[in-house]
Amino acid sequence: MNYDDALRRIESIETALSRTTWFRGYRSRLVLLSAISGLLGVLGQSLVISSDHSPARFVYYWATIAILNLVIAGAVLVWRSRTISTRSDRKLFRSAMLAMFPSLLAGAGVTFAILKVAEDQIWMLPGLWAILFGLGVCASQFVLPQWTLLSGAYYILSGSAVLSWGSRPLDGTEMVVTFVVGQALSAFILYWTLERPSLSAGGAHD
């Protein structure tokens, strides 16, 4: 065995060990489902909300979609948590939940505050939602593959871009740019780093 072969084997062992410390509760199909629900939400927005609607209706509409997605994801995670048998896996589960919780709580708080005292600034919410969610994804980095930083960075950058558009009619474009694309990217990263068949066969390296 030469030096290069030894390094490759060590790298392979390190990669395999790192995968045992990754949280596997987030599945690509569930994340992709949320992206599809966002796309359907954009397509249905014009049917539910008229062009002369109050901006608050936009918030209520998308908050409903977000809550439905959270309920579905929560139910799946609770179901999967029942199969957790080791102490380390339970610790990963708690860490993953705690990493996302502050950003979700901040998003709810910012939404409530703007609805209550600054309704004329509702146009900022899609960008703020994306930035806060991206921060939550980045905070989850220690229990997820490193490539998930890409989706976290995408959320932050796309949210900032949407904010830079300034005040404009909320037609759903901002949700496609941030949430739909961001969730689709996250689903691909989860599939590629955790779920693709070649990983279980031991024939791939990240």
C-alpha atoms as a PDB file:
ATOM      1  CA  MET A   1       0.000   0.000   0.000  1.00  0.00           C
ATOM      2  CA  ASN A   2       1.489   3.336  -1.042  1.00  0.00           C
ATOM      3  CA  TYR A   3       1.129   6.689   0.665  1.00  0.00           C
ATOM      4  CA  ASP A   4      -1.691   7.948  -1.600  1.00  0.00           C
ATOM      5  CA  ASP A   5      -3.734   4.787  -1.099  1.00  0.00           C
ATOM      6  CA  ALA A   6      -3.349   5.096   2.653  1.00  0.00           C
ATOM      7  CA  LEU A   7      -4.550   8.714   2.584  1.00  0.00           C
ATOM      8  CA  ARG A   8      -7.573   7.771   0.481  1.00  0.00           C
ATOM      9  CA  ARG A   9      -8.487   4.992   2.894  1.00  0.00           C
ATOM     10  CA  ILE A  10      -8.140   7.288   5.883  1.00  0.00           C
ATOM     11  CA  GLU A  11     -10.336   9.879   4.159  1.00  0.00           C
ATOM     12  CA  SER A  12     -12.905   7.183   3.406  1.00  0.00           C
ATOM     13  CA  ILE A  13     -12.941   6.069   7.042  1.00  0.00           C
ATOM     14  CA  GLU A  14     -13.298   9.675   8.253  1.00  0.00           C
ATOM     15  CA  THR A  15     -16.204  10.255   5.856  1.00  0.00           C
ATOM     16  CA  ALA A  16     -17.946   7.081   7.010  1.00  0.00           C
ATOM     17  CA  LEU A  17     -17.498   8.054  10.669  1.00  0.00           C
ATOM     18  CA  SER A  18     -18.798  11.581  10.064  1.00  0.00           C
ATOM     19  CA  ARG A  19     -21.996  10.174   8.551  1.00  0.00           C
ATOM     20  CA  THR A  20     -22.749   8.457  11.843  1.00  0.00           C
ATOM     21  CA  THR A  21     -22.966  11.900  13.501  1.00  0.00           C
ATOM     22  CA  TRP A  22     -25.416  13.337  10.969  1.00  0.00           C
ATOM     23  CA  PHE A  23     -29.106  13.739  11.725  1.00  0.00           C
ATOM     24  CA  ARG A  24     -31.134  11.693   9.229  1.00  0.00           C
ATOM     25  CA  GLY A  25     -34.618  12.806  10.225  1.00  0.00           C
ATOM     26  CA  TYR A  26     -34.811  15.334   7.405  1.00  0.00           C
ATOM     27  CA  ARG A  27     -35.620  13.326   4.279  1.00  0.00           C
ATOM     28  CA  SER A  28     -35.286  14.645   0.747  1.00  0.00           C
ATOM     29  CA  ARG A  29     -38.790  13.570  -0.257  1.00  0.00           C
ATOM     30  CA  LEU A  30     -40.376  15.459   2.620  1.00  0.00           C
ATOM     31  CA  VAL A  31     -38.334  18.590   1.863  1.00  0.00           C
ATOM     32  CA  LEU A  32     -39.183  18.318  -1.837  1.00  0.00           C
ATOM     33  CA  LEU A  33     -42.851  17.980  -0.906  1.00  0.00           C
ATOM     34  CA  SER A  34     -42.630  21.324   0.893  1.00  0.00           C
ATOM     35  CA  ALA A  35     -41.092  22.882  -2.236  1.00  0.00           C
ATOM     36  CA  ILE A  36     -43.969  21.517  -4.313  1.00  0.00           C
ATOM     37  CA  SER A  37     -46.501  22.842  -1.801  1.00  0.00           C
ATOM     38  CA  GLY A  38     -44.848  26.257  -2.108  1.00  0.00           C
ATOM     39  CA  LEU A  39     -45.096  26.144  -5.888  1.00  0.00           C
ATOM     40  CA  LEU A  40     -48.756  25.142  -5.685  1.00  0.00           C
ATOM     41  CA  GLY A  41     -49.249  27.963  -3.193  1.00  0.00           C
ATOM     42  CA  VAL A  42     -47.861  30.463  -5.689  1.00  0.00           C
ATOM     43  CA  LEU A  43     -50.097  29.098  -8.457  1.00  0.00           C
ATOM     44  CA  GLY A  44     -53.143  29.226  -6.184  1.00  0.00           C
ATOM     45  CA  GLN A  45     -52.438  32.635  -4.704  1.00  0.00           C
ATOM     46  CA  SER A  46     -54.138  34.542  -7.509  1.00  0.00           C
ATOM     47  CA  LEU A  47     -57.243  32.388  -7.037  1.00  0.00           C
ATOM     48  CA  VAL A  48     -57.422  32.937  -3.292  1.00  0.00           C
ATOM     49  CA  ILE A  49     -56.214  36.535  -3.031  1.00  0.00           C
ATOM     50  CA  SER A  50     -57.504  39.232  -5.367  1.00  0.00           C
ATOM     51  CA  SER A  51     -55.200  41.881  -6.833  1.00  0.00           C
ATOM     52  CA  ASP A  52     -56.689  44.569  -4.557  1.00  0.00           C
ATOM     53  CA  HIS A  53     -56.273  42.498  -1.392  1.00  0.00           C
ATOM     54  CA  SER A  54     -54.952  43.733   1.911  1.00  0.00           C
ATOM     55  CA  PRO A  55     -51.254  42.801   2.262  1.00  0.00           C
ATOM     56  CA  ALA A  56     -52.151  41.066   5.511  1.00  0.00           C
ATOM     57  CA  ARG A  57     -54.060  38.431   3.542  1.00  0.00           C
ATOM     58  CA  PHE A  58     -50.802  37.488   1.831  1.00  0.00           C
ATOM     59  CA  VAL A  59     -49.276  36.844   5.258  1.00  0.00           C
ATOM     60  CA  TYR A  60     -52.223  34.782   6.483  1.00  0.00           C
ATOM     61  CA  TYR A  61     -52.217  32.756   3.267  1.00  0.00           C
ATOM     62  CA  TRP A  62     -48.522  31.873   3.437  1.00  0.00           C
ATOM     63  CA  ALA A  63     -48.573  31.411   7.193  1.00  0.00           C
ATOM     64  CA  THR A  64     -51.263  28.770   6.682  1.00  0.00           C
ATOM     65  CA  ILE A  65     -49.121  26.961   4.104  1.00  0.00           C
ATOM     66  CA  ALA A  66     -46.091  27.160   6.404  1.00  0.00           C
ATOM     67  CA  ILE A  67     -48.034  25.816   9.387  1.00  0.00           C
ATOM     68  CA  LEU A  68     -49.380  22.902   7.321  1.00  0.00           C
ATOM     69  CA  ASN A  69     -45.859  22.030   6.228  1.00  0.00           C
ATOM     70  CA  LEU A  70     -44.593  22.259   9.803  1.00  0.00           C
ATOM     71  CA  VAL A  71     -47.410  20.015  11.045  1.00  0.00           C
ATOM     72  CA  ILE A  72     -46.649  17.389   8.389  1.00  0.00           C
ATOM     73  CA  ALA A  73     -42.902  17.573   9.023  1.00  0.00           C
ATOM     74  CA  GLY A  74     -43.460  17.462  12.782  1.00  0.00           C
ATOM     75  CA  ALA A  75     -45.674  14.392  12.513  1.00  0.00           C
ATOM     76  CA  VAL A  76     -43.081  12.598  10.382  1.00  0.00           C
ATOM     77  CA  LEU A  77     -40.266  13.526  12.760  1.00  0.00           C
ATOM     78  CA  VAL A  78     -42.240  12.394  15.809  1.00  0.00           C
ATOM     79  CA  TRP A  79     -42.990   9.099  14.070  1.00  0.00           C
ATOM     80  CA  ARG A  80     -39.326   8.653  13.168  1.00  0.00           C
ATOM     81  CA  SER A  81     -38.247   9.562  16.697  1.00  0.00           C
ATOM     82  CA  ARG A  82     -40.056   6.477  17.976  1.00  0.00           C
ATOM     83  CA  THR A  83     -37.572   4.326  16.093  1.00  0.00           C
ATOM     84  CA  ILE A  84     -34.594   5.982  17.810  1.00  0.00           C
ATOM     85  CA  SER A  85     -32.992   3.505  20.159  1.00  0.00           C
ATOM     86  CA  THR A  86     -29.510   4.821  20.934  1.00  0.00           C
ATOM     87  CA  ARG A  87     -28.568   7.673  23.230  1.00  0.00           C
ATOM     88  CA  SER A  88     -26.433   9.353  20.562  1.00  0.00           C
ATOM     89  CA  ASP A  89     -29.311   9.334  18.058  1.00  0.00           C
ATOM     90  CA  ARG A  90     -31.644  10.883  20.628  1.00  0.00           C
ATOM     91  CA  LYS A  91     -29.048  13.584  21.252  1.00  0.00           C
ATOM     92  CA  LEU A  92     -28.811  14.269  17.501  1.00  0.00           C
ATOM     93  CA  PHE A  93     -32.600  14.533  17.295  1.00  0.00           C
ATOM     94  CA  ARG A  94     -32.763  17.087  20.121  1.00  0.00           C
ATOM     95  CA  SER A  95     -29.844  19.057  18.685  1.00  0.00           C
ATOM     96  CA  ALA A  96     -31.455  19.237  15.244  1.00  0.00           C
ATOM     97  CA  MET A  97     -34.748  20.475  16.685  1.00  0.00           C
ATOM     98  CA  LEU A  98     -33.079  23.050  18.929  1.00  0.00           C
ATOM     99  CA  ALA A  99     -30.958  24.364  16.055  1.00  0.00           C
ATOM    100  CA  MET A 100     -34.006  25.313  13.965  1.00  0.00           C
ATOM    101  CA  PHE A 101     -36.291  26.456  16.765  1.00  0.00           C
ATOM    102  CA  PRO A 102     -34.829  29.964  17.332  1.00  0.00           C
ATOM    103  CA  SER A 103     -35.106  30.943  13.674  1.00  0.00           C
ATOM    104  CA  LEU A 104     -38.698  29.687  13.461  1.00  0.00           C
ATOM    105  CA  LEU A 105     -39.590  31.535  16.653  1.00  0.00           C
ATOM    106  CA  ALA A 106     -37.911  34.711  15.347  1.00  0.00           C
ATOM    107  CA  GLY A 107     -39.838  34.417  12.082  1.00  0.00           C
ATOM    108  CA  ALA A 108     -43.131  34.149  13.949  1.00  0.00           C
ATOM    109  CA  GLY A 109     -42.214  37.076  16.189  1.00  0.00           C
ATOM    110  CA  VAL A 110     -41.175  39.350  13.320  1.00  0.00           C
ATOM    111  CA  THR A 111     -44.359  38.466  11.437  1.00  0.00           C
ATOM    112  CA  PHE A 112     -46.557  39.285  14.428  1.00  0.00           C
ATOM    113  CA  ALA A 113     -44.753  42.570  15.078  1.00  0.00           C
ATOM    114  CA  ILE A 114     -45.002  43.798  11.478  1.00  0.00           C
ATOM    115  CA  LEU A 115     -48.671  42.816  11.242  1.00  0.00           C
ATOM    116  CA  LYS A 116     -49.411  44.657  14.471  1.00  0.00           C
ATOM    117  CA  VAL A 117     -47.485  47.922  14.111  1.00  0.00           C
ATOM    118  CA  ALA A 118     -46.059  48.189  10.574  1.00  0.00           C
ATOM    119  CA  GLU A 119     -48.515  46.717   8.093  1.00  0.00           C
ATOM    120  CA  ASP A 120     -47.123  48.976   5.366  1.00  0.00           C
ATOM    121  CA  GLN A 121     -43.827  47.064   5.684  1.00  0.00           C
ATOM    122  CA  ILE A 122     -45.300  43.628   4.988  1.00  0.00           C
ATOM    123  CA  TRP A 123     -43.449  43.576   1.670  1.00  0.00           C
ATOM    124  CA  MET A 124     -40.290  42.909   3.718  1.00  0.00           C
ATOM    125  CA  LEU A 125     -41.549  39.685   5.258  1.00  0.00           C
ATOM    126  CA  PRO A 126     -40.694  37.184   2.469  1.00  0.00           C
ATOM    127  CA  GLY A 127     -37.091  38.368   2.498  1.00  0.00           C
ATOM    128  CA  LEU A 128     -36.906  38.311   6.293  1.00  0.00           C
ATOM    129  CA  TRP A 129     -38.462  34.851   6.423  1.00  0.00           C
ATOM    130  CA  ALA A 130     -35.839  33.539   4.015  1.00  0.00           C
ATOM    131  CA  ILE A 131     -32.931  35.110   5.899  1.00  0.00           C
ATOM    132  CA  LEU A 132     -34.103  33.778   9.264  1.00  0.00           C
ATOM    133  CA  PHE A 133     -34.745  30.315   7.861  1.00  0.00           C
ATOM    134  CA  GLY A 134     -31.320  30.329   6.237  1.00  0.00           C
ATOM    135  CA  LEU A 135     -29.747  31.162   9.584  1.00  0.00           C
ATOM    136  CA  GLY A 136     -31.561  28.168  11.077  1.00  0.00           C
ATOM    137  CA  VAL A 137     -30.215  25.905   8.342  1.00  0.00           C
ATOM    138  CA  CYS A 138     -26.701  27.199   8.967  1.00  0.00           C
ATOM    139  CA  ALA A 139     -27.150  26.657  12.710  1.00  0.00           C
ATOM    140  CA  SER A 140     -28.006  23.022  11.943  1.00  0.00           C
ATOM    141  CA  GLN A 141     -24.660  22.534  10.206  1.00  0.00           C
ATOM    142  CA  PHE A 142     -23.143  20.588  13.110  1.00  0.00           C
ATOM    143  CA  VAL A 143     -25.726  17.791  12.691  1.00  0.00           C
ATOM    144  CA  LEU A 144     -26.072  17.892   8.881  1.00  0.00           C
ATOM    145  CA  PRO A 145     -23.673  17.345   5.959  1.00  0.00           C
ATOM    146  CA  GLN A 146     -21.466  20.351   5.219  1.00  0.00           C
ATOM    147  CA  TRP A 147     -23.076  20.863   1.824  1.00  0.00           C
ATOM    148  CA  THR A 148     -26.274  21.996   3.542  1.00  0.00           C
ATOM    149  CA  LEU A 149     -24.458  25.272   4.123  1.00  0.00           C
ATOM    150  CA  LEU A 150     -25.127  25.941   0.444  1.00  0.00           C
ATOM    151  CA  SER A 151     -28.879  25.910   0.968  1.00  0.00           C
ATOM    152  CA  GLY A 152     -28.524  28.042   4.098  1.00  0.00           C
ATOM    153  CA  ALA A 153     -26.407  30.544   2.186  1.00  0.00           C
ATOM    154  CA  TYR A 154     -28.909  30.491  -0.679  1.00  0.00           C
ATOM    155  CA  TYR A 155     -31.764  31.369   1.649  1.00  0.00           C
ATOM    156  CA  ILE A 156     -29.820  34.263   3.157  1.00  0.00           C
ATOM    157  CA  LEU A 157     -28.685  35.639  -0.215  1.00  0.00           C
ATOM    158  CA  SER A 158     -32.057  35.204  -1.933  1.00  0.00           C
ATOM    159  CA  GLY A 159     -33.819  36.807   1.038  1.00  0.00           C
ATOM    160  CA  SER A 160     -31.443  39.752   0.840  1.00  0.00           C
ATOM    161  CA  ALA A 161     -32.083  40.018  -2.905  1.00  0.00           C
ATOM    162  CA  VAL A 162     -35.852  40.047  -2.363  1.00  0.00           C
ATOM    163  CA  LEU A 163     -35.460  42.814   0.232  1.00  0.00           C
ATOM    164  CA  SER A 164     -33.412  44.804  -2.290  1.00  0.00           C
ATOM    165  CA  TRP A 165     -36.381  44.794  -4.676  1.00  0.00           C
ATOM    166  CA  GLY A 166     -38.053  47.269  -2.347  1.00  0.00           C
ATOM    167  CA  SER A 167     -41.770  47.745  -1.864  1.00  0.00           C
ATOM    168  CA  ARG A 168     -43.733  45.957  -4.609  1.00  0.00           C
ATOM    169  CA  PRO A 169     -46.920  43.918  -5.031  1.00  0.00           C
ATOM    170  CA  LEU A 170     -46.575  40.530  -3.387  1.00  0.00           C
ATOM    171  CA  ASP A 171     -47.420  38.283  -6.327  1.00  0.00           C
ATOM    172  CA  GLY A 172     -45.654  35.128  -5.133  1.00  0.00           C
ATOM    173  CA  THR A 173     -42.480  35.618  -7.159  1.00  0.00           C
ATOM    174  CA  GLU A 174     -40.556  36.247  -3.951  1.00  0.00           C
ATOM    175  CA  MET A 175     -41.733  32.888  -2.563  1.00  0.00           C
ATOM    176  CA  VAL A 176     -40.535  31.049  -5.665  1.00  0.00           C
ATOM    177  CA  VAL A 177     -37.123  32.722  -5.532  1.00  0.00           C
ATOM    178  CA  THR A 178     -36.637  32.018  -1.818  1.00  0.00           C
ATOM    179  CA  PHE A 179     -38.702  29.109  -0.541  1.00  0.00           C
ATOM    180  CA  VAL A 180     -39.428  26.942  -3.598  1.00  0.00           C
ATOM    181  CA  VAL A 181     -35.900  27.034  -5.016  1.00  0.00           C
ATOM    182  CA  GLY A 182     -34.349  26.858  -1.543  1.00  0.00           C
ATOM    183  CA  GLN A 183     -36.297  23.759  -0.537  1.00  0.00           C
ATOM    184  CA  ALA A 184     -35.632  22.073  -3.883  1.00  0.00           C
ATOM    185  CA  LEU A 185     -31.912  22.725  -3.413  1.00  0.00           C
ATOM    186  CA  SER A 186     -32.074  21.378   0.154  1.00  0.00           C
ATOM    187  CA  ALA A 187     -33.862  18.237  -1.040  1.00  0.00           C
ATOM    188  CA  PHE A 188     -31.182  17.604  -3.659  1.00  0.00           C
ATOM    189  CA  ILE A 189     -28.370  18.091  -1.131  1.00  0.00           C
ATOM    190  CA  LEU A 190     -30.002  15.727   1.378  1.00  0.00           C
ATOM    191  CA  TYR A 191     -30.508  13.094  -1.300  1.00  0.00           C
ATOM    192  CA  TRP A 192     -26.987  13.398  -2.670  1.00  0.00           C
ATOM    193  CA  THR A 193     -25.192  13.401   0.678  1.00  0.00           C
ATOM    194  CA  LEU A 194     -27.349  10.990   2.679  1.00  0.00           C
ATOM    195  CA  GLU A 195     -29.712   8.930   0.564  1.00  0.00           C
ATOM    196  CA  ARG A 196     -28.375   8.102  -2.872  1.00  0.00           C
ATOM    197  CA  PRO A 197     -27.979   4.327  -3.395  1.00  0.00           C
ATOM    198  CA  SER A 198     -24.225   4.443  -4.038  1.00  0.00           C
ATOM    199  CA  LEU A 199     -23.667   5.614  -0.443  1.00  0.00           C
ATOM    200  CA  SER A 200     -25.199   2.519   1.079  1.00  0.00           C
ATOM    201  CA  ALA A 201     -23.148   0.452  -1.337  1.00  0.00           C
ATOM    202  CA  GLY A 202     -20.027   2.149  -0.031  1.00  0.00           C
ATOM    203  CA  GLY A 203     -18.955   3.234  -3.456  1.00  0.00           C
ATOM    204  CA  ALA A 204     -19.062   7.006  -3.193  1.00  0.00           C
ATOM    205  CA  HIS A 205     -17.149   9.776  -1.511  1.00  0.00           C
ATOM    206  CA  ASP A 206     -18.500  13.225  -0.629  1.00  0.00           C
END
